[in-house]
Amino acid sequence: MNSLNGRFFKITLPQDILQTIRDIASVVRAKGYDLCIVGGAVRDIVSGKVPHDVDMVSSATPGELEQIFPDIQLSGYFSKLLPRL
């Protein structure tokens, strides 16, 4: 397990999941957008469990996310598209 210091608390996850989050966040932030972990993953992390999936939301529009991640399957709701890990 490795750690990532989040804004409000330390996140401890398996290396493969953590590295995927870091990679996605790095690309999105390099383009000038925000990215946050949301949903059940937050609940799991706070309670010390390893999430089975990690949903993220970005300040980028759906079209901007499609340009940033043309080869990743995106699922959309609430007019945002989220990279699926």
C-alpha atoms as a PDB file:
ATOM      1  CA  MET A   1       0.000   0.000   0.000  1.00  0.00           C
ATOM      2  CA  ASN A   2       1.134   3.506  -0.766  1.00  0.00           C
ATOM      3  CA  SER A   3      -0.167   6.870   0.318  1.00  0.00           C
ATOM      4  CA  LEU A   4      -1.268  10.073  -1.319  1.00  0.00           C
ATOM      5  CA  ASN A   5      -1.759  13.183   0.754  1.00  0.00           C
ATOM      6  CA  GLY A   6      -5.174  14.494  -0.151  1.00  0.00           C
ATOM      7  CA  ARG A   7      -6.427  17.953   0.648  1.00  0.00           C
ATOM      8  CA  PHE A   8      -8.169  16.811   3.832  1.00  0.00           C
ATOM      9  CA  PHE A   9      -6.742  13.409   4.724  1.00  0.00           C
ATOM     10  CA  LYS A  10      -4.141  10.831   3.774  1.00  0.00           C
ATOM     11  CA  ILE A  11      -5.270   8.261   1.182  1.00  0.00           C
ATOM     12  CA  THR A  12      -3.789   4.753   1.388  1.00  0.00           C
ATOM     13  CA  LEU A  13      -4.430   2.503  -1.619  1.00  0.00           C
ATOM     14  CA  PRO A  14      -2.727  -0.310  -3.539  1.00  0.00           C
ATOM     15  CA  GLN A  15       0.085   0.987  -5.756  1.00  0.00           C
ATOM     16  CA  ASP A  16      -1.668   0.224  -9.075  1.00  0.00           C
ATOM     17  CA  ILE A  17      -4.823   2.139  -8.131  1.00  0.00           C
ATOM     18  CA  LEU A  18      -2.859   5.012  -6.630  1.00  0.00           C
ATOM     19  CA  GLN A  19      -0.620   5.315  -9.686  1.00  0.00           C
ATOM     20  CA  THR A  20      -3.623   5.366 -12.031  1.00  0.00           C
ATOM     21  CA  ILE A  21      -5.203   8.185 -10.000  1.00  0.00           C
ATOM     22  CA  ARG A  22      -1.915  10.108 -10.023  1.00  0.00           C
ATOM     23  CA  ASP A  23      -1.541   9.651 -13.791  1.00  0.00           C
ATOM     24  CA  ILE A  24      -5.068  10.846 -14.538  1.00  0.00           C
ATOM     25  CA  ALA A  25      -4.774  13.769 -12.113  1.00  0.00           C
ATOM     26  CA  SER A  26      -1.440  14.810 -13.603  1.00  0.00           C
ATOM     27  CA  VAL A  27      -2.834  14.946 -17.131  1.00  0.00           C
ATOM     28  CA  VAL A  28      -6.041  16.751 -16.140  1.00  0.00           C
ATOM     29  CA  ARG A  29      -4.251  19.299 -13.939  1.00  0.00           C
ATOM     30  CA  ALA A  30      -1.609  19.932 -16.613  1.00  0.00           C
ATOM     31  CA  LYS A  31      -4.480  21.059 -18.842  1.00  0.00           C
ATOM     32  CA  GLY A  32      -5.623  23.496 -16.137  1.00  0.00           C
ATOM     33  CA  TYR A  33      -8.605  21.606 -14.713  1.00  0.00           C
ATOM     34  CA  ASP A  34      -9.445  20.335 -11.233  1.00  0.00           C
ATOM     35  CA  LEU A  35     -10.011  16.665 -10.448  1.00  0.00           C
ATOM     36  CA  CYS A  36     -11.590  15.158  -7.321  1.00  0.00           C
ATOM     37  CA  ILE A  37     -12.327  11.646  -6.091  1.00  0.00           C
ATOM     38  CA  VAL A  38     -16.062  11.304  -5.381  1.00  0.00           C
ATOM     39  CA  GLY A  39     -18.739   8.814  -4.391  1.00  0.00           C
ATOM     40  CA  GLY A  40     -18.314   5.481  -2.699  1.00  0.00           C
ATOM     41  CA  ALA A  41     -14.533   5.593  -3.026  1.00  0.00           C
ATOM     42  CA  VAL A  42     -14.457   8.539  -0.623  1.00  0.00           C
ATOM     43  CA  ARG A  43     -16.601   6.611   1.872  1.00  0.00           C
ATOM     44  CA  ASP A  44     -14.379   3.547   1.539  1.00  0.00           C
ATOM     45  CA  ILE A  45     -11.123   5.498   1.898  1.00  0.00           C
ATOM     46  CA  VAL A  46     -12.364   7.403   4.953  1.00  0.00           C
ATOM     47  CA  SER A  47     -13.466   4.141   6.610  1.00  0.00           C
ATOM     48  CA  GLY A  48     -10.103   2.496   5.870  1.00  0.00           C
ATOM     49  CA  LYS A  49     -11.360   0.168   3.127  1.00  0.00           C
ATOM     50  CA  VAL A  50      -9.909  -0.240  -0.365  1.00  0.00           C
ATOM     51  CA  PRO A  51     -12.486   0.925  -2.946  1.00  0.00           C
ATOM     52  CA  HIS A  52     -13.390  -1.515  -5.724  1.00  0.00           C
ATOM     53  CA  ASP A  53     -13.619   1.398  -8.148  1.00  0.00           C
ATOM     54  CA  VAL A  54     -12.763   5.088  -8.022  1.00  0.00           C
ATOM     55  CA  ASP A  55     -15.043   7.713  -9.537  1.00  0.00           C
ATOM     56  CA  MET A  56     -13.634  11.133 -10.275  1.00  0.00           C
ATOM     57  CA  VAL A  57     -15.157  14.409 -11.344  1.00  0.00           C
ATOM     58  CA  SER A  58     -13.412  17.209 -13.176  1.00  0.00           C
ATOM     59  CA  SER A  59     -13.999  20.861 -13.875  1.00  0.00           C
ATOM     60  CA  ALA A  60     -13.387  20.039 -17.558  1.00  0.00           C
ATOM     61  CA  THR A  61     -16.417  19.800 -19.832  1.00  0.00           C
ATOM     62  CA  PRO A  62     -17.345  16.458 -21.438  1.00  0.00           C
ATOM     63  CA  GLY A  63     -15.833  17.600 -24.737  1.00  0.00           C
ATOM     64  CA  GLU A  64     -12.611  18.664 -23.039  1.00  0.00           C
ATOM     65  CA  LEU A  65     -12.328  15.294 -21.277  1.00  0.00           C
ATOM     66  CA  GLU A  66     -12.887  13.489 -24.572  1.00  0.00           C
ATOM     67  CA  GLN A  67      -9.999  15.467 -26.065  1.00  0.00           C
ATOM     68  CA  ILE A  68      -7.758  14.815 -23.061  1.00  0.00           C
ATOM     69  CA  PHE A  69      -8.568  11.054 -22.945  1.00  0.00           C
ATOM     70  CA  PRO A  70      -9.475   9.972 -26.496  1.00  0.00           C
ATOM     71  CA  ASP A  71      -8.596   6.306 -25.852  1.00  0.00           C
ATOM     72  CA  ILE A  72     -10.300   5.857 -22.475  1.00  0.00           C
ATOM     73  CA  GLN A  73     -13.890   4.689 -22.077  1.00  0.00           C
ATOM     74  CA  LEU A  74     -15.792   7.530 -20.477  1.00  0.00           C
ATOM     75  CA  SER A  75     -19.097   7.211 -18.640  1.00  0.00           C
ATOM     76  CA  GLY A  76     -21.244  10.266 -18.243  1.00  0.00           C
ATOM     77  CA  TYR A  77     -23.764  11.558 -15.758  1.00  0.00           C
ATOM     78  CA  PHE A  78     -24.655  14.936 -14.315  1.00  0.00           C
ATOM     79  CA  SER A  79     -23.274  16.389 -17.582  1.00  0.00           C
ATOM     80  CA  LYS A  80     -19.754  15.339 -16.679  1.00  0.00           C
ATOM     81  CA  LEU A  81     -17.708  12.475 -18.058  1.00  0.00           C
ATOM     82  CA  LEU A  82     -15.602  10.451 -15.669  1.00  0.00           C
ATOM     83  CA  PRO A  83     -12.600   8.335 -16.639  1.00  0.00           C
ATOM     84  CA  ARG A  84     -13.350   4.769 -15.614  1.00  0.00           C
ATOM     85  CA  LEU A  85     -10.410   2.976 -14.016  1.00  0.00           C
END
